Amino acid sequence: MSAYSDLILAHGPSLYWRLGSGGITDLSGNGRNGTGQGGIAIGGAAGLIAGDADGATDFDSVDHIT
């Protein structure tokens, strides 16, 4: 994990989706994984966190995650 993820998890979130190459997996440990609906490219876009090689999720402005 990155320093960013470590910082987020240190706050004890009830849900934490990175939406990167790992999919829609709840990294908080609470098992609230998501499912992409429609035209979402999970991990298909360039990552936005400096120094993190994990891809980002690209939304088409219509579809969503549940």
PDB file of N, CA and C in Angstrom:
ATOM      1  N   MET A   1       0.830  -1.182   0.000  1.00  0.00           N
ATOM      2  CA  MET A   1       0.000   0.000   0.000  1.00  0.00           C
ATOM      3  C   MET A   1       0.876   1.248   0.000  1.00  0.00           C
ATOM      4  N   SER A   2       0.284   2.311  -0.408  1.00  0.00           N
ATOM      5  CA  SER A   2       1.006   3.585  -0.447  1.00  0.00           C
ATOM      6  C   SER A   2       0.838   4.332   0.879  1.00  0.00           C
ATOM      7  N   ALA A   3       1.625   5.360   1.052  1.00  0.00           N
ATOM      8  CA  ALA A   3       1.503   6.198   2.245  1.00  0.00           C
ATOM      9  C   ALA A   3       0.112   6.817   2.312  1.00  0.00           C
ATOM     10  N   TYR A   4      -0.473   7.122   1.144  1.00  0.00           N
ATOM     11  CA  TYR A   4      -1.832   7.682   1.101  1.00  0.00           C
ATOM     12  C   TYR A   4      -2.839   6.685   1.678  1.00  0.00           C
ATOM     13  N   SER A   5      -2.773   5.438   1.222  1.00  0.00           N
ATOM     14  CA  SER A   5      -3.679   4.405   1.719  1.00  0.00           C
ATOM     15  C   SER A   5      -3.504   4.201   3.215  1.00  0.00           C
ATOM     16  N   ASP A   6      -2.259   4.176   3.660  1.00  0.00           N
ATOM     17  CA  ASP A   6      -1.984   4.014   5.090  1.00  0.00           C
ATOM     18  C   ASP A   6      -2.637   5.139   5.898  1.00  0.00           C
ATOM     19  N   LEU A   7      -2.560   6.361   5.387  1.00  0.00           N
ATOM     20  CA  LEU A   7      -3.162   7.511   6.063  1.00  0.00           C
ATOM     21  C   LEU A   7      -4.680   7.361   6.150  1.00  0.00           C
ATOM     22  N   ILE A   8      -5.307   6.987   5.050  1.00  0.00           N
ATOM     23  CA  ILE A   8      -6.758   6.804   5.030  1.00  0.00           C
ATOM     24  C   ILE A   8      -7.176   5.711   6.006  1.00  0.00           C
ATOM     25  N   LEU A   9      -6.505   4.565   5.951  1.00  0.00           N
ATOM     26  CA  LEU A   9      -6.865   3.433   6.815  1.00  0.00           C
ATOM     27  C   LEU A   9      -6.627   3.719   8.290  1.00  0.00           C
ATOM     28  N   ALA A  10      -5.696   4.617   8.604  1.00  0.00           N
ATOM     29  CA  ALA A  10      -5.424   4.983   9.992  1.00  0.00           C
ATOM     30  C   ALA A  10      -6.627   5.676  10.647  1.00  0.00           C
ATOM     31  N   HIS A  11      -7.537   6.203   9.816  1.00  0.00           N
ATOM     32  CA  HIS A  11      -8.726   6.886  10.329  1.00  0.00           C
ATOM     33  C   HIS A  11      -9.900   5.929  10.542  1.00  0.00           C
ATOM     34  N   GLY A  12      -9.718   4.647  10.239  1.00  0.00           N
ATOM     35  CA  GLY A  12     -10.757   3.642  10.483  1.00  0.00           C
ATOM     36  C   GLY A  12     -12.027   3.815   9.675  1.00  0.00           C
ATOM     37  N   PRO A  13     -11.928   3.968   8.352  1.00  0.00           N
ATOM     38  CA  PRO A  13     -13.146   4.159   7.555  1.00  0.00           C
ATOM     39  C   PRO A  13     -14.018   2.902   7.557  1.00  0.00           C
ATOM     40  N   SER A  14     -15.328   3.072   7.381  1.00  0.00           N
ATOM     41  CA  SER A  14     -16.218   1.919   7.285  1.00  0.00           C
ATOM     42  C   SER A  14     -16.210   1.342   5.871  1.00  0.00           C
ATOM     43  N   LEU A  15     -15.679   2.103   4.910  1.00  0.00           N
ATOM     44  CA  LEU A  15     -15.589   1.676   3.518  1.00  0.00           C
ATOM     45  C   LEU A  15     -14.424   2.413   2.866  1.00  0.00           C
ATOM     46  N   TYR A  16     -13.604   1.702   2.104  1.00  0.00           N
ATOM     47  CA  TYR A  16     -12.510   2.356   1.380  1.00  0.00           C
ATOM     48  C   TYR A  16     -12.284   1.637   0.065  1.00  0.00           C
ATOM     49  N   TRP A  17     -12.741   2.253  -1.004  1.00  0.00           N
ATOM     50  CA  TRP A  17     -12.538   1.736  -2.353  1.00  0.00           C
ATOM     51  C   TRP A  17     -11.446   2.558  -3.016  1.00  0.00           C
ATOM     52  N   ARG A  18     -10.339   1.926  -3.414  1.00  0.00           N
ATOM     53  CA  ARG A  18      -9.295   2.622  -4.158  1.00  0.00           C
ATOM     54  C   ARG A  18      -9.702   2.837  -5.606  1.00  0.00           C
ATOM     55  N   LEU A  19     -10.538   1.953  -6.124  1.00  0.00           N
ATOM     56  CA  LEU A  19     -10.985   2.013  -7.527  1.00  0.00           C
ATOM     57  C   LEU A  19      -9.806   1.973  -8.483  1.00  0.00           C
ATOM     58  N   GLY A  20      -8.804   1.198  -8.162  1.00  0.00           N
ATOM     59  CA  GLY A  20      -7.635   1.047  -9.004  1.00  0.00           C
ATOM     60  C   GLY A  20      -7.628  -0.306  -9.686  1.00  0.00           C
ATOM     61  N   SER A  21      -6.450  -0.750 -10.044  1.00  0.00           N
ATOM     62  CA  SER A  21      -6.296  -2.010 -10.757  1.00  0.00           C
ATOM     63  C   SER A  21      -6.786  -3.207  -9.952  1.00  0.00           C
ATOM     64  N   GLY A  22      -6.893  -3.057  -8.640  1.00  0.00           N
ATOM     65  CA  GLY A  22      -7.371  -4.137  -7.783  1.00  0.00           C
ATOM     66  C   GLY A  22      -8.880  -4.304  -7.806  1.00  0.00           C
ATOM     67  N   GLY A  23      -9.575  -3.476  -8.552  1.00  0.00           N
ATOM     68  CA  GLY A  23     -11.023  -3.580  -8.638  1.00  0.00           C
ATOM     69  C   GLY A  23     -11.728  -2.761  -7.578  1.00  0.00           C
ATOM     70  N   ILE A  24     -12.961  -3.142  -7.302  1.00  0.00           N
ATOM     71  CA  ILE A  24     -13.783  -2.417  -6.344  1.00  0.00           C
ATOM     72  C   ILE A  24     -13.816  -3.241  -5.059  1.00  0.00           C
ATOM     73  N   THR A  25     -12.668  -3.313  -4.437  1.00  0.00           N
ATOM     74  CA  THR A  25     -12.492  -4.102  -3.226  1.00  0.00           C
ATOM     75  C   THR A  25     -12.441  -3.179  -2.021  1.00  0.00           C
ATOM     76  N   ASP A  26     -13.201  -3.505  -0.991  1.00  0.00           N
ATOM     77  CA  ASP A  26     -13.214  -2.707   0.230  1.00  0.00           C
ATOM     78  C   ASP A  26     -11.949  -2.988   1.028  1.00  0.00           C
ATOM     79  N   LEU A  27     -11.038  -2.038   1.062  1.00  0.00           N
ATOM     80  CA  LEU A  27      -9.770  -2.195   1.759  1.00  0.00           C
ATOM     81  C   LEU A  27      -9.868  -1.880   3.247  1.00  0.00           C
ATOM     82  N   SER A  28     -11.066  -1.488   3.719  1.00  0.00           N
ATOM     83  CA  SER A  28     -11.236  -1.177   5.144  1.00  0.00           C
ATOM     84  C   SER A  28     -11.267  -2.446   5.993  1.00  0.00           C
ATOM     85  N   GLY A  29     -11.465  -3.601   5.352  1.00  0.00           N
ATOM     86  CA  GLY A  29     -11.577  -4.860   6.081  1.00  0.00           C
ATOM     87  C   GLY A  29     -13.013  -5.199   6.446  1.00  0.00           C
ATOM     88  N   ASN A  30     -13.973  -4.373   6.023  1.00  0.00           N
ATOM     89  CA  ASN A  30     -15.378  -4.600   6.353  1.00  0.00           C
ATOM     90  C   ASN A  30     -16.142  -5.376   5.287  1.00  0.00           C
ATOM     91  N   GLY A  31     -15.463  -5.746   4.192  1.00  0.00           N
ATOM     92  CA  GLY A  31     -16.072  -6.607   3.176  1.00  0.00           C
ATOM     93  C   GLY A  31     -17.171  -5.983   2.344  1.00  0.00           C
ATOM     94  N   ARG A  32     -17.173  -4.668   2.193  1.00  0.00           N
ATOM     95  CA  ARG A  32     -18.203  -3.989   1.398  1.00  0.00           C
ATOM     96  C   ARG A  32     -17.700  -3.749  -0.024  1.00  0.00           C
ATOM     97  N   ASN A  33     -17.462  -4.837  -0.736  1.00  0.00           N
ATOM     98  CA  ASN A  33     -16.979  -4.741  -2.110  1.00  0.00           C
ATOM     99  C   ASN A  33     -18.082  -4.231  -3.020  1.00  0.00           C
ATOM    100  N   GLY A  34     -17.703  -3.540  -4.091  1.00  0.00           N
ATOM    101  CA  GLY A  34     -18.671  -2.972  -5.014  1.00  0.00           C
ATOM    102  C   GLY A  34     -18.699  -3.713  -6.332  1.00  0.00           C
ATOM    103  N   THR A  35     -19.675  -3.368  -7.144  1.00  0.00           N
ATOM    104  CA  THR A  35     -19.829  -3.936  -8.480  1.00  0.00           C
ATOM    105  C   THR A  35     -20.027  -2.788  -9.459  1.00  0.00           C
ATOM    106  N   GLY A  36     -19.222  -2.756 -10.521  1.00  0.00           N
ATOM    107  CA  GLY A  36     -19.374  -1.723 -11.542  1.00  0.00           C
ATOM    108  C   GLY A  36     -20.584  -1.996 -12.405  1.00  0.00           C
ATOM    109  N   GLN A  37     -21.312  -0.953 -12.755  1.00  0.00           N
ATOM    110  CA  GLN A  37     -22.502  -1.061 -13.600  1.00  0.00           C
ATOM    111  C   GLN A  37     -22.260  -0.320 -14.907  1.00  0.00           C
ATOM    112  N   GLY A  38     -22.256  -1.043 -16.017  1.00  0.00           N
ATOM    113  CA  GLY A  38     -22.148  -0.417 -17.326  1.00  0.00           C
ATOM    114  C   GLY A  38     -20.735  -0.105 -17.758  1.00  0.00           C
ATOM    115  N   GLY A  39     -20.539   1.096 -18.317  1.00  0.00           N
ATOM    116  CA  GLY A  39     -19.295   1.471 -18.978  1.00  0.00           C
ATOM    117  C   GLY A  39     -18.206   2.021 -18.088  1.00  0.00           C
ATOM    118  N   ILE A  40     -17.855   1.292 -17.049  1.00  0.00           N
ATOM    119  CA  ILE A  40     -16.780   1.716 -16.154  1.00  0.00           C
ATOM    120  C   ILE A  40     -15.533   0.910 -16.487  1.00  0.00           C
ATOM    121  N   ALA A  41     -14.400   1.584 -16.682  1.00  0.00           N
ATOM    122  CA  ALA A  41     -13.123   0.910 -16.952  1.00  0.00           C
ATOM    123  C   ALA A  41     -12.316   0.877 -15.658  1.00  0.00           C
ATOM    124  N   ILE A  42     -12.440  -0.218 -14.900  1.00  0.00           N
ATOM    125  CA  ILE A  42     -11.761  -0.335 -13.613  1.00  0.00           C
ATOM    126  C   ILE A  42     -10.270  -0.533 -13.830  1.00  0.00           C
ATOM    127  N   GLY A  43      -9.479   0.387 -13.302  1.00  0.00           N
ATOM    128  CA  GLY A  43      -8.032   0.317 -13.438  1.00  0.00           C
ATOM    129  C   GLY A  43      -7.529   0.656 -14.828  1.00  0.00           C
ATOM    130  N   GLY A  44      -8.404   1.178 -15.680  1.00  0.00           N
ATOM    131  CA  GLY A  44      -8.038   1.433 -17.063  1.00  0.00           C
ATOM    132  C   GLY A  44      -7.479   2.805 -17.366  1.00  0.00           C
ATOM    133  N   ALA A  45      -7.500   3.701 -16.394  1.00  0.00           N
ATOM    134  CA  ALA A  45      -6.997   5.064 -16.602  1.00  0.00           C
ATOM    135  C   ALA A  45      -5.687   5.251 -15.849  1.00  0.00           C
ATOM    136  N   ALA A  46      -4.941   6.247 -16.240  1.00  0.00           N
ATOM    137  CA  ALA A  46      -3.675   6.536 -15.555  1.00  0.00           C
ATOM    138  C   ALA A  46      -3.957   6.915 -14.107  1.00  0.00           C
ATOM    139  N   GLY A  47      -3.109   6.436 -13.200  1.00  0.00           N
ATOM    140  CA  GLY A  47      -3.273   6.733 -11.778  1.00  0.00           C
ATOM    141  C   GLY A  47      -3.068   8.208 -11.473  1.00  0.00           C
ATOM    142  N   LEU A  48      -3.699   8.680 -10.421  1.00  0.00           N
ATOM    143  CA  LEU A  48      -3.626  10.098 -10.080  1.00  0.00           C
ATOM    144  C   LEU A  48      -2.775  10.390  -8.854  1.00  0.00           C
ATOM    145  N   ILE A  49      -2.350   9.351  -8.129  1.00  0.00           N
ATOM    146  CA  ILE A  49      -1.538   9.561  -6.942  1.00  0.00           C
ATOM    147  C   ILE A  49      -0.066   9.475  -7.342  1.00  0.00           C
ATOM    148  N   ALA A  50       0.688  10.524  -7.078  1.00  0.00           N
ATOM    149  CA  ALA A  50       2.102  10.571  -7.458  1.00  0.00           C
ATOM    150  C   ALA A  50       2.856   9.389  -6.866  1.00  0.00           C
ATOM    151  N   GLY A  51       3.616   8.694  -7.702  1.00  0.00           N
ATOM    152  CA  GLY A  51       4.445   7.583  -7.263  1.00  0.00           C
ATOM    153  C   GLY A  51       3.699   6.274  -7.096  1.00  0.00           C
ATOM    154  N   ASP A  52       2.396   6.236  -7.418  1.00  0.00           N
ATOM    155  CA  ASP A  52       1.595   5.019  -7.286  1.00  0.00           C
ATOM    156  C   ASP A  52       1.328   4.457  -8.674  1.00  0.00           C
ATOM    157  N   ALA A  53       1.776   3.242  -8.932  1.00  0.00           N
ATOM    158  CA  ALA A  53       1.636   2.644 -10.260  1.00  0.00           C
ATOM    159  C   ALA A  53       0.241   2.077 -10.504  1.00  0.00           C
ATOM    160  N   ASP A  54      -0.611   2.013  -9.501  1.00  0.00           N
ATOM    161  CA  ASP A  54      -1.958   1.475  -9.637  1.00  0.00           C
ATOM    162  C   ASP A  54      -2.782   2.365 -10.556  1.00  0.00           C
ATOM    163  N   GLY A  55      -3.491   1.760 -11.498  1.00  0.00           N
ATOM    164  CA  GLY A  55      -4.335   2.518 -12.411  1.00  0.00           C
ATOM    165  C   GLY A  55      -5.559   3.070 -11.703  1.00  0.00           C
ATOM    166  N   ALA A  56      -6.239   3.981 -12.330  1.00  0.00           N
ATOM    167  CA  ALA A  56      -7.448   4.594 -11.779  1.00  0.00           C
ATOM    168  C   ALA A  56      -8.666   4.093 -12.548  1.00  0.00           C
ATOM    169  N   THR A  57      -9.844   4.314 -12.013  1.00  0.00           N
ATOM    170  CA  THR A  57     -11.079   3.910 -12.682  1.00  0.00           C
ATOM    171  C   THR A  57     -11.610   5.072 -13.500  1.00  0.00           C
ATOM    172  N   ASP A  58     -12.065   4.747 -14.710  1.00  0.00           N
ATOM    173  CA  ASP A  58     -12.580   5.753 -15.630  1.00  0.00           C
ATOM    174  C   ASP A  58     -14.092   5.595 -15.727  1.00  0.00           C
ATOM    175  N   PHE A  59     -14.831   6.643 -15.363  1.00  0.00           N
ATOM    176  CA  PHE A  59     -16.292   6.629 -15.420  1.00  0.00           C
ATOM    177  C   PHE A  59     -16.752   7.313 -16.706  1.00  0.00           C
ATOM    178  N   ASP A  60     -17.884   6.854 -17.260  1.00  0.00           N
ATOM    179  CA  ASP A  60     -18.395   7.420 -18.502  1.00  0.00           C
ATOM    180  C   ASP A  60     -19.482   8.470 -18.285  1.00  0.00           C
ATOM    181  N   SER A  61     -19.660   8.952 -17.064  1.00  0.00           N
ATOM    182  CA  SER A  61     -20.644   9.979 -16.693  1.00  0.00           C
ATOM    183  C   SER A  61     -22.089   9.468 -16.714  1.00  0.00           C
ATOM    184  N   VAL A  62     -22.285   8.176 -16.951  1.00  0.00           N
ATOM    185  CA  VAL A  62     -23.626   7.608 -16.971  1.00  0.00           C
ATOM    186  C   VAL A  62     -23.743   6.482 -15.959  1.00  0.00           C
ATOM    187  N   ASP A  63     -22.757   5.609 -15.933  1.00  0.00           N
ATOM    188  CA  ASP A  63     -22.824   4.410 -15.119  1.00  0.00           C
ATOM    189  C   ASP A  63     -22.231   4.639 -13.742  1.00  0.00           C
ATOM    190  N   HIS A  64     -22.370   3.660 -12.857  1.00  0.00           N
ATOM    191  CA  HIS A  64     -22.010   3.857 -11.456  1.00  0.00           C
ATOM    192  C   HIS A  64     -21.540   2.562 -10.788  1.00  0.00           C
ATOM    193  N   ILE A  65     -21.244   2.670  -9.517  1.00  0.00           N
ATOM    194  CA  ILE A  65     -20.843   1.523  -8.705  1.00  0.00           C
ATOM    195  C   ILE A  65     -21.892   1.332  -7.624  1.00  0.00           C
ATOM    196  N   THR A  66     -22.244   0.063  -7.392  1.00  0.00           N
ATOM    197  CA  THR A  66     -23.205  -0.237  -6.330  1.00  0.00           C
ATOM    198  C   THR A  66     -22.591  -1.206  -5.355  1.00  0.00           C
TER     199      THR A  66
END
